[in-house]
């Protein structure tokens, strides 16, 4: 099992966060590339080369870049052109860093194919999907706002080889109220990256919890990922909590323990 972490979750300056990832002995990182030092507009060619060498010098691999600019994803007709332009910039950065996955949130997929949001997604996503694919990169949308079956319906409809899935089991539990184990099989053909996160759905809203304390059945989830042939990273994401470093180390140990028990 290759375990990674989103370094931004350490809540440290990015270089310190990357060093911290190396210190706790994970294999990879998935940094945000939409703001701060790693925003493509803030990284020169030399800066990109330096970043790549810095990560490699620590024995780490960049499993993916987070290219999520927030907001309504590719669902808002008024902002979609700006989002396409910015996403292409992150894809170019990924190429320069030798990374083949950029993750994002495309927005909430509606059930109605006549909805303007559905039409906007179907019209806009092929452009960035093709742009990524021609450069050897996958643009992977994160699961969560909608059931796995609905996301699959959209991706099947678009049929673009550059569009894939960043599978977040906790988001499916917390937001969509979906079964994250069943969803693995539903989206099997699209999954190229995954988050290790846990949580519960509340009567109003949701709550993220440390790994093993929420409603994601991790033993069954890991077995399902193994069964579909997934060999990529399990990237720890911890967005809340008073001590993220402690929670991330706990998540690493939790995954390693399951790895031995299940034989991933």
C-alpha atoms as a PDB file:
ATOM      1  CA  UNK A   1       0.000   0.000   0.000  1.00  0.00           C
ATOM      2  CA  UNK A   2       1.307   3.440  -0.953  1.00  0.00           C
ATOM      3  CA  UNK A   3       0.244   5.980   1.666  1.00  0.00           C
ATOM      4  CA  UNK A   4       0.278   9.690   1.012  1.00  0.00           C
ATOM      5  CA  UNK A   5      -0.952  12.858   2.681  1.00  0.00           C
ATOM      6  CA  UNK A   6      -2.282  16.223   1.638  1.00  0.00           C
ATOM      7  CA  UNK A   7       0.548  18.340   3.108  1.00  0.00           C
ATOM      8  CA  UNK A   8      -1.713  21.374   3.478  1.00  0.00           C
ATOM      9  CA  UNK A   9      -3.543  19.434   6.220  1.00  0.00           C
ATOM     10  CA  UNK A  10      -0.511  19.896   8.494  1.00  0.00           C
ATOM     11  CA  UNK A  11      -1.333  23.644   8.544  1.00  0.00           C
ATOM     12  CA  UNK A  12       2.312  24.538   8.058  1.00  0.00           C
ATOM     13  CA  UNK A  13       4.107  26.543   5.352  1.00  0.00           C
ATOM     14  CA  UNK A  14       4.191  24.261   2.310  1.00  0.00           C
ATOM     15  CA  UNK A  15       7.929  23.436   2.380  1.00  0.00           C
ATOM     16  CA  UNK A  16       7.705  22.595   6.103  1.00  0.00           C
ATOM     17  CA  UNK A  17       4.596  20.515   5.444  1.00  0.00           C
ATOM     18  CA  UNK A  18       6.364  18.512   2.744  1.00  0.00           C
ATOM     19  CA  UNK A  19       9.286  17.896   5.117  1.00  0.00           C
ATOM     20  CA  UNK A  20       6.818  16.779   7.781  1.00  0.00           C
ATOM     21  CA  UNK A  21       5.349  14.249   5.331  1.00  0.00           C
ATOM     22  CA  UNK A  22       8.816  12.790   4.849  1.00  0.00           C
ATOM     23  CA  UNK A  23       9.424  12.765   8.623  1.00  0.00           C
ATOM     24  CA  UNK A  24       6.350  10.638   9.326  1.00  0.00           C
ATOM     25  CA  UNK A  25       7.397   8.113   6.673  1.00  0.00           C
ATOM     26  CA  UNK A  26       4.634   8.271   4.112  1.00  0.00           C
ATOM     27  CA  UNK A  27       5.453   7.721   0.457  1.00  0.00           C
ATOM     28  CA  UNK A  28       3.701  10.584  -1.237  1.00  0.00           C
ATOM     29  CA  UNK A  29       2.012  13.975  -1.117  1.00  0.00           C
ATOM     30  CA  UNK A  30      -0.948  15.568  -2.868  1.00  0.00           C
ATOM     31  CA  UNK A  31      -0.493  19.326  -2.487  1.00  0.00           C
ATOM     32  CA  UNK A  32      -2.918  22.092  -3.396  1.00  0.00           C
ATOM     33  CA  UNK A  33      -1.860  23.873  -6.574  1.00  0.00           C
ATOM     34  CA  UNK A  34      -4.498  26.584  -6.587  1.00  0.00           C
ATOM     35  CA  UNK A  35      -3.070  29.127  -4.149  1.00  0.00           C
ATOM     36  CA  UNK A  36       0.083  30.353  -2.476  1.00  0.00           C
ATOM     37  CA  UNK A  37       3.538  29.197  -3.522  1.00  0.00           C
ATOM     38  CA  UNK A  38       2.251  26.294  -5.627  1.00  0.00           C
ATOM     39  CA  UNK A  39      -0.228  28.316  -7.664  1.00  0.00           C
ATOM     40  CA  UNK A  40       0.986  27.828 -11.270  1.00  0.00           C
ATOM     41  CA  UNK A  41       1.047  31.599 -11.691  1.00  0.00           C
ATOM     42  CA  UNK A  42       3.558  31.864  -8.854  1.00  0.00           C
ATOM     43  CA  UNK A  43       5.949  29.172 -10.086  1.00  0.00           C
ATOM     44  CA  UNK A  44       8.522  29.945 -12.760  1.00  0.00           C
ATOM     45  CA  UNK A  45      10.159  27.203 -14.801  1.00  0.00           C
ATOM     46  CA  UNK A  46      13.078  27.245 -12.370  1.00  0.00           C
ATOM     47  CA  UNK A  47      10.694  27.212  -9.419  1.00  0.00           C
ATOM     48  CA  UNK A  48       8.988  24.122 -10.810  1.00  0.00           C
ATOM     49  CA  UNK A  49      12.274  22.325 -11.285  1.00  0.00           C
ATOM     50  CA  UNK A  50      13.363  23.258  -7.766  1.00  0.00           C
ATOM     51  CA  UNK A  51      10.085  21.987  -6.291  1.00  0.00           C
ATOM     52  CA  UNK A  52      10.354  18.694  -8.154  1.00  0.00           C
ATOM     53  CA  UNK A  53      13.930  18.165  -6.958  1.00  0.00           C
ATOM     54  CA  UNK A  54      13.017  19.171  -3.393  1.00  0.00           C
ATOM     55  CA  UNK A  55      10.255  16.553  -3.210  1.00  0.00           C
ATOM     56  CA  UNK A  56      12.458  13.875  -4.755  1.00  0.00           C
ATOM     57  CA  UNK A  57      15.333  14.690  -2.380  1.00  0.00           C
ATOM     58  CA  UNK A  58      13.036  13.793   0.530  1.00  0.00           C
ATOM     59  CA  UNK A  59      12.194  10.434  -1.009  1.00  0.00           C
ATOM     60  CA  UNK A  60       8.618  11.456  -1.745  1.00  0.00           C
ATOM     61  CA  UNK A  61       6.389  11.187  -4.804  1.00  0.00           C
ATOM     62  CA  UNK A  62       3.688  13.644  -5.801  1.00  0.00           C
ATOM     63  CA  UNK A  63       0.698  11.351  -6.214  1.00  0.00           C
ATOM     64  CA  UNK A  64      -1.548  14.091  -7.594  1.00  0.00           C
ATOM     65  CA  UNK A  65      -2.126  17.843  -7.513  1.00  0.00           C
ATOM     66  CA  UNK A  66      -5.275  19.342  -6.028  1.00  0.00           C
ATOM     67  CA  UNK A  67      -6.703  21.575  -8.746  1.00  0.00           C
ATOM     68  CA  UNK A  68      -9.937  22.493  -6.990  1.00  0.00           C
ATOM     69  CA  UNK A  69     -10.688  26.212  -7.131  1.00  0.00           C
ATOM     70  CA  UNK A  70     -13.786  25.951  -4.939  1.00  0.00           C
ATOM     71  CA  UNK A  71     -17.154  27.410  -5.730  1.00  0.00           C
ATOM     72  CA  UNK A  72     -19.545  25.570  -8.021  1.00  0.00           C
ATOM     73  CA  UNK A  73     -16.998  23.651 -10.044  1.00  0.00           C
ATOM     74  CA  UNK A  74     -17.893  23.223 -13.695  1.00  0.00           C
ATOM     75  CA  UNK A  75     -21.587  23.729 -12.957  1.00  0.00           C
ATOM     76  CA  UNK A  76     -21.799  27.512 -13.161  1.00  0.00           C
ATOM     77  CA  UNK A  77     -22.114  28.863 -16.728  1.00  0.00           C
ATOM     78  CA  UNK A  78     -20.892  32.296 -15.614  1.00  0.00           C
ATOM     79  CA  UNK A  79     -17.558  31.118 -14.177  1.00  0.00           C
ATOM     80  CA  UNK A  80     -16.854  27.977 -16.167  1.00  0.00           C
ATOM     81  CA  UNK A  81     -14.552  29.601 -18.733  1.00  0.00           C
ATOM     82  CA  UNK A  82     -12.354  31.010 -15.982  1.00  0.00           C
ATOM     83  CA  UNK A  83     -12.282  27.610 -14.301  1.00  0.00           C
ATOM     84  CA  UNK A  84     -11.298  25.861 -17.537  1.00  0.00           C
ATOM     85  CA  UNK A  85      -8.412  28.295 -18.004  1.00  0.00           C
ATOM     86  CA  UNK A  86      -7.161  27.893 -14.429  1.00  0.00           C
ATOM     87  CA  UNK A  87      -7.501  24.093 -14.500  1.00  0.00           C
ATOM     88  CA  UNK A  88      -5.434  23.949 -17.678  1.00  0.00           C
ATOM     89  CA  UNK A  89      -2.715  25.893 -15.832  1.00  0.00           C
ATOM     90  CA  UNK A  90      -2.672  23.249 -13.074  1.00  0.00           C
ATOM     91  CA  UNK A  91      -2.510  20.509 -15.701  1.00  0.00           C
ATOM     92  CA  UNK A  92       0.519  22.220 -17.261  1.00  0.00           C
ATOM     93  CA  UNK A  93       2.116  22.401 -13.805  1.00  0.00           C
ATOM     94  CA  UNK A  94       1.470  18.691 -13.312  1.00  0.00           C
ATOM     95  CA  UNK A  95       3.276  17.936 -16.578  1.00  0.00           C
ATOM     96  CA  UNK A  96       6.271  20.022 -15.493  1.00  0.00           C
ATOM     97  CA  UNK A  97       6.397  18.188 -12.159  1.00  0.00           C
ATOM     98  CA  UNK A  98       6.026  14.738 -13.714  1.00  0.00           C
ATOM     99  CA  UNK A  99       2.592  14.198 -12.123  1.00  0.00           C
ATOM    100  CA  UNK A 100      -0.175  12.432 -14.045  1.00  0.00           C
ATOM    101  CA  UNK A 101      -3.253  13.195 -11.910  1.00  0.00           C
ATOM    102  CA  UNK A 102      -5.001  16.478 -11.109  1.00  0.00           C
ATOM    103  CA  UNK A 103      -7.994  16.256  -8.775  1.00  0.00           C
ATOM    104  CA  UNK A 104     -10.920  18.643  -8.607  1.00  0.00           C
ATOM    105  CA  UNK A 105     -14.553  19.083  -7.634  1.00  0.00           C
ATOM    106  CA  UNK A 106     -16.793  19.500 -10.660  1.00  0.00           C
ATOM    107  CA  UNK A 107     -19.856  20.594  -8.672  1.00  0.00           C
ATOM    108  CA  UNK A 108     -23.038  18.767  -7.696  1.00  0.00           C
ATOM    109  CA  UNK A 109     -24.289  16.541 -10.516  1.00  0.00           C
ATOM    110  CA  UNK A 110     -28.062  16.938 -10.989  1.00  0.00           C
ATOM    111  CA  UNK A 111     -30.333  13.975 -11.686  1.00  0.00           C
ATOM    112  CA  UNK A 112     -32.149  15.799 -14.484  1.00  0.00           C
ATOM    113  CA  UNK A 113     -30.236  15.721 -17.782  1.00  0.00           C
ATOM    114  CA  UNK A 114     -32.183  18.798 -18.886  1.00  0.00           C
ATOM    115  CA  UNK A 115     -30.843  20.810 -15.958  1.00  0.00           C
ATOM    116  CA  UNK A 116     -28.569  23.690 -17.019  1.00  0.00           C
ATOM    117  CA  UNK A 117     -25.920  22.369 -14.623  1.00  0.00           C
ATOM    118  CA  UNK A 118     -25.865  18.965 -16.351  1.00  0.00           C
ATOM    119  CA  UNK A 119     -25.631  20.621 -19.749  1.00  0.00           C
ATOM    120  CA  UNK A 120     -22.853  22.943 -18.589  1.00  0.00           C
ATOM    121  CA  UNK A 121     -20.823  20.001 -17.286  1.00  0.00           C
ATOM    122  CA  UNK A 122     -21.326  17.939 -20.426  1.00  0.00           C
ATOM    123  CA  UNK A 123     -20.261  20.883 -22.571  1.00  0.00           C
ATOM    124  CA  UNK A 124     -17.280  22.094 -20.518  1.00  0.00           C
ATOM    125  CA  UNK A 125     -15.612  18.998 -19.064  1.00  0.00           C
ATOM    126  CA  UNK A 126     -14.582  17.419 -22.385  1.00  0.00           C
ATOM    127  CA  UNK A 127     -12.384  20.437 -23.115  1.00  0.00           C
ATOM    128  CA  UNK A 128     -10.293  20.049 -19.961  1.00  0.00           C
ATOM    129  CA  UNK A 129     -10.471  16.254 -20.143  1.00  0.00           C
ATOM    130  CA  UNK A 130      -9.000  16.233 -23.629  1.00  0.00           C
ATOM    131  CA  UNK A 131      -6.440  18.880 -22.709  1.00  0.00           C
ATOM    132  CA  UNK A 132      -5.277  16.701 -19.823  1.00  0.00           C
ATOM    133  CA  UNK A 133      -5.321  13.418 -21.747  1.00  0.00           C
ATOM    134  CA  UNK A 134      -3.233  14.785 -24.616  1.00  0.00           C
ATOM    135  CA  UNK A 135      -0.584  15.697 -22.016  1.00  0.00           C
ATOM    136  CA  UNK A 136      -0.622  12.344 -20.262  1.00  0.00           C
ATOM    137  CA  UNK A 137      -2.674  13.579 -17.309  1.00  0.00           C
ATOM    138  CA  UNK A 138      -6.020  12.506 -15.831  1.00  0.00           C
ATOM    139  CA  UNK A 139      -8.434  15.104 -14.445  1.00  0.00           C
ATOM    140  CA  UNK A 140     -10.075  13.258 -11.561  1.00  0.00           C
ATOM    141  CA  UNK A 141     -13.270  14.543 -10.019  1.00  0.00           C
ATOM    142  CA  UNK A 142     -13.753  13.888  -6.325  1.00  0.00           C
ATOM    143  CA  UNK A 143     -16.721  11.814  -5.174  1.00  0.00           C
ATOM    144  CA  UNK A 144     -19.187  13.044  -2.611  1.00  0.00           C
ATOM    145  CA  UNK A 145     -21.940  15.488  -3.498  1.00  0.00           C
ATOM    146  CA  UNK A 146     -23.914  12.886  -5.419  1.00  0.00           C
ATOM    147  CA  UNK A 147     -24.238   9.068  -5.299  1.00  0.00           C
ATOM    148  CA  UNK A 148     -21.576   7.085  -7.149  1.00  0.00           C
ATOM    149  CA  UNK A 149     -24.159   5.829  -9.665  1.00  0.00           C
ATOM    150  CA  UNK A 150     -25.061   9.378 -10.691  1.00  0.00           C
ATOM    151  CA  UNK A 151     -21.431  10.397 -11.133  1.00  0.00           C
ATOM    152  CA  UNK A 152     -20.883   7.296 -13.261  1.00  0.00           C
ATOM    153  CA  UNK A 153     -23.891   8.236 -15.388  1.00  0.00           C
ATOM    154  CA  UNK A 154     -22.366  11.647 -16.092  1.00  0.00           C
ATOM    155  CA  UNK A 155     -18.915  10.262 -16.898  1.00  0.00           C
ATOM    156  CA  UNK A 156     -20.417   7.566 -19.120  1.00  0.00           C
ATOM    157  CA  UNK A 157     -22.433  10.221 -20.936  1.00  0.00           C
ATOM    158  CA  UNK A 158     -19.361  12.378 -21.564  1.00  0.00           C
ATOM    159  CA  UNK A 159     -17.133   9.442 -22.465  1.00  0.00           C
ATOM    160  CA  UNK A 160     -13.866  11.373 -22.299  1.00  0.00           C
ATOM    161  CA  UNK A 161     -10.651   9.365 -21.671  1.00  0.00           C
ATOM    162  CA  UNK A 162      -9.095  12.194 -19.661  1.00  0.00           C
ATOM    163  CA  UNK A 163     -11.845  12.321 -17.039  1.00  0.00           C
ATOM    164  CA  UNK A 164     -11.467  10.012 -14.077  1.00  0.00           C
ATOM    165  CA  UNK A 165     -12.325   9.814 -10.354  1.00  0.00           C
ATOM    166  CA  UNK A 166     -10.555  10.725  -7.123  1.00  0.00           C
ATOM    167  CA  UNK A 167     -12.449   8.387  -4.791  1.00  0.00           C
ATOM    168  CA  UNK A 168     -13.246   9.859  -1.370  1.00  0.00           C
ATOM    169  CA  UNK A 169     -15.210   7.298   0.683  1.00  0.00           C
ATOM    170  CA  UNK A 170     -15.925   9.732   3.517  1.00  0.00           C
ATOM    171  CA  UNK A 171     -17.523  12.269   1.193  1.00  0.00           C
ATOM    172  CA  UNK A 172     -19.889   9.592  -0.091  1.00  0.00           C
ATOM    173  CA  UNK A 173     -20.889   8.796   3.502  1.00  0.00           C
ATOM    174  CA  UNK A 174     -21.052  12.346   4.844  1.00  0.00           C
ATOM    175  CA  UNK A 175     -22.596  14.215   1.929  1.00  0.00           C
ATOM    176  CA  UNK A 176     -24.295  11.788  -0.426  1.00  0.00           C
ATOM    177  CA  UNK A 177     -25.282   9.219   2.209  1.00  0.00           C
ATOM    178  CA  UNK A 178     -24.042   6.548  -0.188  1.00  0.00           C
ATOM    179  CA  UNK A 179     -22.358   3.181   0.452  1.00  0.00           C
ATOM    180  CA  UNK A 180     -18.615   3.773  -0.139  1.00  0.00           C
ATOM    181  CA  UNK A 181     -17.848   0.069  -0.588  1.00  0.00           C
ATOM    182  CA  UNK A 182     -20.529  -0.478  -3.213  1.00  0.00           C
ATOM    183  CA  UNK A 183     -19.442   2.740  -4.894  1.00  0.00           C
ATOM    184  CA  UNK A 184     -15.970   1.312  -5.512  1.00  0.00           C
ATOM    185  CA  UNK A 185     -17.438  -1.316  -7.817  1.00  0.00           C
ATOM    186  CA  UNK A 186     -19.742   1.224  -9.462  1.00  0.00           C
ATOM    187  CA  UNK A 187     -16.853   3.550 -10.354  1.00  0.00           C
ATOM    188  CA  UNK A 188     -14.175   0.884 -10.754  1.00  0.00           C
ATOM    189  CA  UNK A 189     -13.307   1.826 -14.336  1.00  0.00           C
ATOM    190  CA  UNK A 190     -12.721   5.462 -13.401  1.00  0.00           C
ATOM    191  CA  UNK A 191     -10.806   5.426 -10.089  1.00  0.00           C
ATOM    192  CA  UNK A 192      -7.195   6.639 -10.366  1.00  0.00           C
ATOM    193  CA  UNK A 193      -6.653   8.135  -6.913  1.00  0.00           C
ATOM    194  CA  UNK A 194      -8.263   7.899  -3.488  1.00  0.00           C
ATOM    195  CA  UNK A 195      -8.450   9.712  -0.183  1.00  0.00           C
ATOM    196  CA  UNK A 196      -8.237   8.064   3.228  1.00  0.00           C
ATOM    197  CA  UNK A 197     -10.823   9.977   5.225  1.00  0.00           C
ATOM    198  CA  UNK A 198     -13.672   9.048   7.567  1.00  0.00           C
ATOM    199  CA  UNK A 199     -16.839  10.639   8.858  1.00  0.00           C
ATOM    200  CA  UNK A 200     -20.561  10.407   9.537  1.00  0.00           C
ATOM    201  CA  UNK A 201     -23.694  11.946   8.104  1.00  0.00           C
ATOM    202  CA  UNK A 202     -25.738  13.926  10.624  1.00  0.00           C
ATOM    203  CA  UNK A 203     -29.398  14.854  10.587  1.00  0.00           C
ATOM    204  CA  UNK A 204     -28.243  18.291   9.513  1.00  0.00           C
ATOM    205  CA  UNK A 205     -24.858  18.296   7.855  1.00  0.00           C
ATOM    206  CA  UNK A 206     -21.947  15.961   8.468  1.00  0.00           C
ATOM    207  CA  UNK A 207     -18.882  15.435  10.652  1.00  0.00           C
ATOM    208  CA  UNK A 208     -15.397  14.346   9.664  1.00  0.00           C
ATOM    209  CA  UNK A 209     -13.743  11.964  12.131  1.00  0.00           C
ATOM    210  CA  UNK A 210     -10.337  10.244  12.528  1.00  0.00           C
ATOM    211  CA  UNK A 211      -9.930   7.059  10.506  1.00  0.00           C
ATOM    212  CA  UNK A 212     -11.804   4.152  12.020  1.00  0.00           C
ATOM    213  CA  UNK A 213     -14.228   6.321  13.998  1.00  0.00           C
ATOM    214  CA  UNK A 214     -16.720   7.078  11.245  1.00  0.00           C
ATOM    215  CA  UNK A 215     -19.063   5.080   9.023  1.00  0.00           C
ATOM    216  CA  UNK A 216     -16.552   4.103   6.342  1.00  0.00           C
ATOM    217  CA  UNK A 217     -15.985   0.361   6.657  1.00  0.00           C
ATOM    218  CA  UNK A 218     -12.269   0.528   5.946  1.00  0.00           C
ATOM    219  CA  UNK A 219     -11.538  -3.221   5.954  1.00  0.00           C
ATOM    220  CA  UNK A 220     -14.233  -3.793   3.321  1.00  0.00           C
ATOM    221  CA  UNK A 221     -13.303  -0.604   1.479  1.00  0.00           C
ATOM    222  CA  UNK A 222      -9.655  -1.653   1.175  1.00  0.00           C
ATOM    223  CA  UNK A 223     -10.686  -5.142   0.082  1.00  0.00           C
ATOM    224  CA  UNK A 224     -12.906  -3.637  -2.614  1.00  0.00           C
ATOM    225  CA  UNK A 225     -10.085  -1.424  -3.875  1.00  0.00           C
ATOM    226  CA  UNK A 226      -7.826  -4.452  -4.031  1.00  0.00           C
ATOM    227  CA  UNK A 227     -10.451  -6.450  -5.921  1.00  0.00           C
ATOM    228  CA  UNK A 228     -10.819  -3.824  -8.653  1.00  0.00           C
ATOM    229  CA  UNK A 229      -7.033  -3.827  -9.108  1.00  0.00           C
ATOM    230  CA  UNK A 230      -6.289  -0.420  -7.613  1.00  0.00           C
ATOM    231  CA  UNK A 231      -2.547   0.055  -7.028  1.00  0.00           C
ATOM    232  CA  UNK A 232      -2.365   3.813  -6.492  1.00  0.00           C
ATOM    233  CA  UNK A 233      -2.019   5.976  -3.413  1.00  0.00           C
ATOM    234  CA  UNK A 234      -4.237   6.105  -0.352  1.00  0.00           C
ATOM    235  CA  UNK A 235      -3.853   9.783   0.496  1.00  0.00           C
ATOM    236  CA  UNK A 236      -4.720  10.886   4.021  1.00  0.00           C
ATOM    237  CA  UNK A 237      -6.896  13.989   4.240  1.00  0.00           C
ATOM    238  CA  UNK A 238      -7.662  15.560   7.614  1.00  0.00           C
ATOM    239  CA  UNK A 239      -9.486  18.871   7.213  1.00  0.00           C
ATOM    240  CA  UNK A 240     -10.554  19.436  10.842  1.00  0.00           C
ATOM    241  CA  UNK A 241      -9.391  18.592  14.376  1.00  0.00           C
ATOM    242  CA  UNK A 242      -7.185  20.354  16.931  1.00  0.00           C
ATOM    243  CA  UNK A 243      -4.096  18.228  16.260  1.00  0.00           C
ATOM    244  CA  UNK A 244      -3.903  17.321  12.568  1.00  0.00           C
ATOM    245  CA  UNK A 245      -0.362  15.933  12.791  1.00  0.00           C
ATOM    246  CA  UNK A 246      -1.394  13.447  15.480  1.00  0.00           C
ATOM    247  CA  UNK A 247      -4.532  12.504  13.508  1.00  0.00           C
ATOM    248  CA  UNK A 248      -2.511  11.975  10.321  1.00  0.00           C
ATOM    249  CA  UNK A 249      -0.005   9.738  12.120  1.00  0.00           C
ATOM    250  CA  UNK A 250      -2.943   7.803  13.580  1.00  0.00           C
ATOM    251  CA  UNK A 251      -4.381   7.413  10.070  1.00  0.00           C
ATOM    252  CA  UNK A 252      -1.037   6.148   8.753  1.00  0.00           C
ATOM    253  CA  UNK A 253      -0.792   3.559  11.530  1.00  0.00           C
ATOM    254  CA  UNK A 254      -4.440   2.569  11.071  1.00  0.00           C
ATOM    255  CA  UNK A 255      -3.874   1.902   7.369  1.00  0.00           C
ATOM    256  CA  UNK A 256      -0.627  -0.005   7.964  1.00  0.00           C
ATOM    257  CA  UNK A 257      -2.362  -2.241  10.498  1.00  0.00           C
ATOM    258  CA  UNK A 258      -5.169  -3.021   8.048  1.00  0.00           C
ATOM    259  CA  UNK A 259      -2.610  -3.588   5.320  1.00  0.00           C
ATOM    260  CA  UNK A 260      -1.076  -6.429   7.320  1.00  0.00           C
ATOM    261  CA  UNK A 261      -4.452  -7.885   8.254  1.00  0.00           C
ATOM    262  CA  UNK A 262      -5.907  -7.761   4.734  1.00  0.00           C
ATOM    263  CA  UNK A 263      -2.757  -8.216   2.672  1.00  0.00           C
ATOM    264  CA  UNK A 264      -3.129  -5.200   0.415  1.00  0.00           C
END
